[in-house]
């Protein structure tokens, strides 16, 4: 018995796969050296817990989330992470002379 695939079924599968969308969350992490107080910022798709598992972080360094946003694009094939929309709005406001009214989040420093 021959197996027959309907052309309508093939067309429906192709159209739904073309309409598929993707998005991912981006993070701006602050890695603080508790000995010297130096802070370095990293933009990544990993949160603060995942980042420590994939990248070397010293025991005297703390990793905190400074900002997070959604990227409404595909993130495969080593594409760049989309920029933080709050930063883009701030830059556009400075270029046009307008102030941005977006709030920024900065966590309180950990006390030890």
N, C-alpha and C. Protein backbone atom coordinates (compact mmCIF):
# COMPACT_ATOMS: atom_id res chain seq x y z
N UNK A 1 0.84 -1.17 0.00
CA UNK A 1 0.00 0.00 0.00
C UNK A 1 0.89 1.24 0.00
N UNK A 2 0.56 2.16 -0.84
CA UNK A 2 1.36 3.38 -0.96
C UNK A 2 0.86 4.42 0.03
N UNK A 3 1.82 5.16 0.58
CA UNK A 3 1.49 6.24 1.52
C UNK A 3 1.41 7.54 0.73
N UNK A 4 0.31 8.24 0.89
CA UNK A 4 0.08 9.46 0.12
C UNK A 4 -0.11 10.64 1.08
N UNK A 5 0.69 11.70 0.90
CA UNK A 5 0.55 12.91 1.71
C UNK A 5 -0.18 13.96 0.89
N UNK A 6 -1.19 14.47 1.48
CA UNK A 6 -2.01 15.47 0.80
C UNK A 6 -1.22 16.76 0.59
N UNK A 7 -1.28 17.36 -0.59
CA UNK A 7 -0.60 18.64 -0.82
C UNK A 7 -1.11 19.74 0.11
N UNK A 8 -2.36 19.65 0.51
CA UNK A 8 -2.92 20.63 1.45
C UNK A 8 -2.25 20.51 2.81
N UNK A 9 -1.99 19.29 3.25
CA UNK A 9 -1.31 19.06 4.52
C UNK A 9 0.12 19.61 4.47
N UNK A 10 0.81 19.36 3.38
CA UNK A 10 2.18 19.87 3.22
C UNK A 10 2.19 21.39 3.24
N UNK A 11 1.25 22.00 2.54
CA UNK A 11 1.16 23.46 2.51
C UNK A 11 0.85 24.02 3.90
N UNK A 12 -0.03 23.37 4.64
CA UNK A 12 -0.37 23.83 5.99
C UNK A 12 0.84 23.75 6.92
N UNK A 13 1.61 22.69 6.83
CA UNK A 13 2.81 22.54 7.66
C UNK A 13 3.84 23.61 7.32
N UNK A 14 4.04 23.85 6.04
CA UNK A 14 5.00 24.88 5.63
C UNK A 14 4.57 26.27 6.09
N UNK A 15 3.31 26.60 5.96
CA UNK A 15 2.84 27.93 6.35
C UNK A 15 2.92 28.14 7.86
N UNK A 16 2.62 27.12 8.65
CA UNK A 16 2.72 27.29 10.11
C UNK A 16 4.16 27.37 10.55
N UNK A 17 5.07 26.69 9.89
CA UNK A 17 6.47 26.79 10.28
C UNK A 17 7.06 28.15 9.91
N UNK A 18 6.58 28.75 8.83
CA UNK A 18 7.05 30.08 8.46
C UNK A 18 6.52 31.15 9.41
N UNK A 19 5.36 30.91 10.01
CA UNK A 19 4.77 31.89 10.91
C UNK A 19 5.27 31.75 12.34
N UNK A 20 6.09 30.76 12.61
CA UNK A 20 6.60 30.54 13.96
C UNK A 20 7.48 31.71 14.38
N UNK A 21 7.34 32.12 15.61
CA UNK A 21 8.14 33.23 16.14
C UNK A 21 8.98 32.72 17.30
N UNK A 22 10.01 33.44 17.61
CA UNK A 22 10.89 33.07 18.71
C UNK A 22 11.23 34.31 19.52
N UNK A 23 11.53 34.09 20.77
CA UNK A 23 11.99 35.17 21.63
C UNK A 23 12.81 34.56 22.76
N UNK A 24 13.61 35.37 23.38
CA UNK A 24 14.41 34.91 24.51
C UNK A 24 14.63 36.08 25.46
N UNK A 25 15.02 35.76 26.67
CA UNK A 25 15.28 36.78 27.68
C UNK A 25 16.77 37.08 27.73
N UNK A 26 17.10 38.34 27.80
CA UNK A 26 18.49 38.78 27.92
C UNK A 26 18.70 39.37 29.32
N UNK A 27 19.90 39.24 29.82
CA UNK A 27 20.24 39.73 31.16
C UNK A 27 21.48 40.60 31.10
N UNK A 28 21.50 41.65 31.89
CA UNK A 28 22.73 42.40 32.14
C UNK A 28 23.14 42.05 33.56
N UNK A 29 24.28 41.39 33.69
CA UNK A 29 24.75 40.94 34.99
C UNK A 29 25.90 41.82 35.46
N UNK A 30 25.94 42.06 36.76
CA UNK A 30 27.05 42.77 37.38
C UNK A 30 27.84 41.76 38.21
N UNK A 31 29.11 41.59 37.87
CA UNK A 31 29.98 40.68 38.61
C UNK A 31 30.90 41.54 39.46
N UNK A 32 30.71 41.45 40.76
CA UNK A 32 31.42 42.31 41.70
C UNK A 32 32.51 41.52 42.41
N UNK A 33 33.71 42.06 42.38
CA UNK A 33 34.83 41.49 43.13
C UNK A 33 34.73 42.06 44.54
N UNK A 34 34.41 41.22 45.51
CA UNK A 34 34.19 41.71 46.88
C UNK A 34 35.49 42.15 47.55
N UNK A 35 36.64 41.71 47.04
CA UNK A 35 37.92 42.12 47.62
C UNK A 35 38.29 43.54 47.20
N UNK A 36 38.13 43.85 45.92
CA UNK A 36 38.55 45.16 45.40
C UNK A 36 37.38 46.11 45.14
N UNK A 37 36.17 45.57 45.05
CA UNK A 37 35.02 46.41 44.76
C UNK A 37 34.82 46.69 43.28
N UNK A 38 35.67 46.12 42.43
CA UNK A 38 35.54 46.32 40.98
C UNK A 38 34.30 45.59 40.47
N UNK A 39 33.60 46.25 39.55
CA UNK A 39 32.39 45.68 38.96
C UNK A 39 32.59 45.58 37.46
N UNK A 40 32.28 44.43 36.91
CA UNK A 40 32.28 44.28 35.45
C UNK A 40 30.88 43.87 35.03
N UNK A 41 30.44 44.39 33.91
CA UNK A 41 29.08 44.13 33.41
C UNK A 41 29.15 43.19 32.21
N UNK A 42 28.21 42.26 32.17
CA UNK A 42 28.14 41.27 31.11
C UNK A 42 26.70 41.20 30.61
N UNK A 43 26.52 41.21 29.29
CA UNK A 43 25.21 41.00 28.69
C UNK A 43 25.18 39.58 28.16
N UNK A 44 24.17 38.81 28.60
CA UNK A 44 24.12 37.39 28.29
C UNK A 44 22.68 36.90 28.25
N UNK A 45 22.50 35.67 27.80
CA UNK A 45 21.18 35.05 27.85
C UNK A 45 21.05 34.14 29.06
N UNK A 46 22.08 34.06 29.87
CA UNK A 46 22.07 33.25 31.09
C UNK A 46 21.74 34.12 32.29
N UNK A 47 20.94 33.59 33.22
CA UNK A 47 20.68 34.35 34.44
C UNK A 47 21.88 34.22 35.39
N UNK A 48 21.79 34.83 36.55
CA UNK A 48 22.93 34.86 37.46
C UNK A 48 23.33 33.47 37.97
N UNK A 49 22.39 32.56 38.09
CA UNK A 49 22.70 31.21 38.55
C UNK A 49 23.32 30.39 37.42
N UNK A 50 22.74 30.44 36.24
CA UNK A 50 23.26 29.71 35.09
C UNK A 50 24.64 30.21 34.70
N UNK A 51 24.86 31.53 34.76
CA UNK A 51 26.14 32.12 34.37
C UNK A 51 27.28 31.52 35.19
N UNK A 52 27.06 31.37 36.49
CA UNK A 52 28.10 30.81 37.36
C UNK A 52 28.40 29.36 37.02
N UNK A 53 27.45 28.65 36.44
CA UNK A 53 27.67 27.27 36.06
C UNK A 53 28.43 27.12 34.76
N UNK A 54 28.33 28.08 33.87
CA UNK A 54 28.97 27.99 32.55
C UNK A 54 30.29 28.76 32.47
N UNK A 55 30.45 29.78 33.27
CA UNK A 55 31.65 30.62 33.21
C UNK A 55 32.34 30.63 34.56
N UNK A 56 33.66 30.72 34.56
CA UNK A 56 34.38 30.72 35.84
C UNK A 56 34.12 32.01 36.63
N UNK A 57 33.63 31.84 37.84
CA UNK A 57 33.41 32.95 38.76
C UNK A 57 34.13 32.60 40.05
N UNK A 58 34.99 33.49 40.52
CA UNK A 58 35.76 33.22 41.73
C UNK A 58 34.84 33.20 42.95
N UNK A 59 35.30 32.55 44.01
CA UNK A 59 34.48 32.44 45.22
C UNK A 59 34.25 33.80 45.88
N UNK A 60 35.12 34.76 45.63
CA UNK A 60 34.97 36.08 46.23
C UNK A 60 34.22 37.05 45.31
N UNK A 61 33.65 36.55 44.22
CA UNK A 61 32.87 37.38 43.31
C UNK A 61 31.38 37.07 43.48
N UNK A 62 30.56 38.11 43.37
CA UNK A 62 29.11 37.92 43.41
C UNK A 62 28.53 38.33 42.06
N UNK A 63 27.50 37.61 41.65
CA UNK A 63 26.85 37.88 40.37
C UNK A 63 25.40 38.30 40.65
N UNK A 64 25.03 39.48 40.20
CA UNK A 64 23.67 39.98 40.41
C UNK A 64 23.09 40.45 39.07
N UNK A 65 21.76 40.41 38.99
CA UNK A 65 21.06 40.86 37.79
C UNK A 65 20.84 42.36 37.90
N UNK A 66 21.35 43.11 36.94
CA UNK A 66 21.15 44.56 36.89
C UNK A 66 19.91 44.93 36.07
N UNK A 67 19.70 44.22 34.96
CA UNK A 67 18.55 44.50 34.10
C UNK A 67 18.20 43.23 33.33
N UNK A 68 16.95 43.14 32.90
CA UNK A 68 16.51 42.03 32.08
C UNK A 68 15.46 42.54 31.09
N UNK A 69 15.43 41.95 29.90
CA UNK A 69 14.48 42.35 28.87
C UNK A 69 14.27 41.19 27.90
N UNK A 70 13.21 41.28 27.12
CA UNK A 70 12.88 40.26 26.14
C UNK A 70 13.38 40.68 24.76
N UNK A 71 13.98 39.74 24.05
CA UNK A 71 14.40 39.95 22.67
C UNK A 71 13.41 39.20 21.79
N UNK A 72 12.72 39.91 20.94
CA UNK A 72 11.68 39.33 20.08
C UNK A 72 12.28 38.91 18.74
N UNK A 73 13.27 38.04 18.79
CA UNK A 73 13.93 37.56 17.59
C UNK A 73 14.50 36.18 17.87
N UNK A 74 14.96 35.53 16.83
CA UNK A 74 15.62 34.25 17.00
C UNK A 74 17.01 34.49 17.56
N UNK A 75 17.49 33.56 18.35
CA UNK A 75 18.80 33.71 18.96
C UNK A 75 19.79 32.65 18.54
N UNK A 76 19.55 32.04 17.38
CA UNK A 76 20.45 30.99 16.94
C UNK A 76 21.53 31.54 16.01
N UNK A 77 22.43 30.68 15.63
CA UNK A 77 23.51 31.01 14.70
C UNK A 77 24.38 32.17 15.19
N UNK A 78 24.63 32.21 16.49
CA UNK A 78 25.55 33.17 17.09
C UNK A 78 25.17 34.63 16.80
N UNK A 79 23.88 34.91 16.77
CA UNK A 79 23.44 36.28 16.56
C UNK A 79 23.72 37.11 17.81
N UNK A 80 23.90 38.40 17.63
CA UNK A 80 24.13 39.28 18.76
C UNK A 80 22.87 39.39 19.60
N UNK A 81 23.06 39.62 20.89
CA UNK A 81 21.93 39.84 21.79
C UNK A 81 21.37 41.22 21.51
N UNK A 82 20.05 41.32 21.45
CA UNK A 82 19.44 42.62 21.15
C UNK A 82 19.75 43.61 22.29
N UNK A 83 19.83 44.89 21.98
CA UNK A 83 20.16 45.87 23.02
C UNK A 83 19.00 46.07 24.00
N UNK A 84 19.33 46.53 25.17
CA UNK A 84 18.33 46.83 26.20
C UNK A 84 17.45 47.98 25.71
N UNK A 85 16.13 47.78 25.61
CA UNK A 85 15.25 48.85 25.12
C UNK A 85 15.31 50.11 25.97
N UNK A 86 15.54 49.97 27.27
CA UNK A 86 15.64 51.15 28.14
C UNK A 86 16.85 51.99 27.76
N UNK A 87 17.97 51.35 27.43
CA UNK A 87 19.16 52.09 27.01
C UNK A 87 18.96 52.74 25.66
N UNK A 88 18.28 52.06 24.76
CA UNK A 88 18.02 52.62 23.43
C UNK A 88 17.13 53.85 23.56
N UNK A 89 16.11 53.78 24.42
CA UNK A 89 15.22 54.94 24.62
C UNK A 89 15.99 56.10 25.23
N UNK A 90 16.88 55.80 26.18
CA UNK A 90 17.68 56.86 26.80
C UNK A 90 18.58 57.53 25.77
N UNK A 91 19.19 56.74 24.89
CA UNK A 91 20.06 57.31 23.86
C UNK A 91 19.26 58.15 22.89
N UNK A 92 18.08 57.68 22.50
CA UNK A 92 17.25 58.45 21.57
C UNK A 92 16.77 59.74 22.22
N UNK A 93 16.44 59.70 23.52
CA UNK A 93 16.01 60.90 24.22
C UNK A 93 17.12 61.93 24.31
N UNK A 94 18.35 61.48 24.51
CA UNK A 94 19.49 62.41 24.58
C UNK A 94 19.78 63.02 23.22
N UNK A 95 19.58 62.23 22.15
CA UNK A 95 19.84 62.75 20.82
C UNK A 95 18.81 63.81 20.43
N UNK A 96 17.56 63.64 20.87
CA UNK A 96 16.51 64.59 20.51
C UNK A 96 16.33 65.67 21.57
N UNK A 97 17.05 65.55 22.69
CA UNK A 97 16.94 66.54 23.75
C UNK A 97 15.80 66.26 24.70
N UNK A 98 15.18 65.09 24.62
CA UNK A 98 14.09 64.74 25.51
C UNK A 98 14.61 63.81 26.59
N UNK A 99 14.01 63.91 27.76
CA UNK A 99 14.38 63.04 28.86
C UNK A 99 13.50 61.79 28.83
N UNK A 100 14.08 60.66 29.13
CA UNK A 100 13.32 59.42 29.20
C UNK A 100 12.75 59.28 30.61
N UNK A 101 11.52 58.80 30.71
CA UNK A 101 10.88 58.63 32.01
C UNK A 101 10.89 57.18 32.45
N UNK A 102 11.71 56.34 31.85
CA UNK A 102 11.75 54.94 32.23
C UNK A 102 12.56 54.79 33.52
N UNK A 103 12.07 53.91 34.38
CA UNK A 103 12.73 53.67 35.65
C UNK A 103 13.78 52.59 35.48
N UNK A 104 14.86 52.70 36.22
CA UNK A 104 15.87 51.66 36.16
C UNK A 104 15.88 50.93 37.49
N UNK A 105 16.29 49.69 37.45
CA UNK A 105 16.32 48.85 38.64
C UNK A 105 17.76 48.60 39.02
N UNK A 106 18.08 48.88 40.25
CA UNK A 106 19.39 48.53 40.75
C UNK A 106 19.20 47.97 42.15
N UNK A 107 19.57 46.69 42.34
CA UNK A 107 19.35 46.04 43.63
C UNK A 107 20.24 46.64 44.71
N UNK A 108 19.78 46.52 45.94
CA UNK A 108 20.56 47.01 47.07
C UNK A 108 21.80 46.14 47.25
N UNK A 109 22.93 46.73 47.61
CA UNK A 109 24.13 45.93 47.79
C UNK A 109 23.97 44.97 48.97
N UNK A 110 24.55 43.80 48.81
CA UNK A 110 24.47 42.79 49.87
C UNK A 110 25.34 43.21 51.04
N UNK A 111 24.81 43.09 52.23
CA UNK A 111 25.59 43.44 53.43
C UNK A 111 26.16 42.18 54.02
N UNK A 112 27.39 42.29 54.46
CA UNK A 112 28.06 41.10 55.05
C UNK A 112 28.65 41.47 56.38
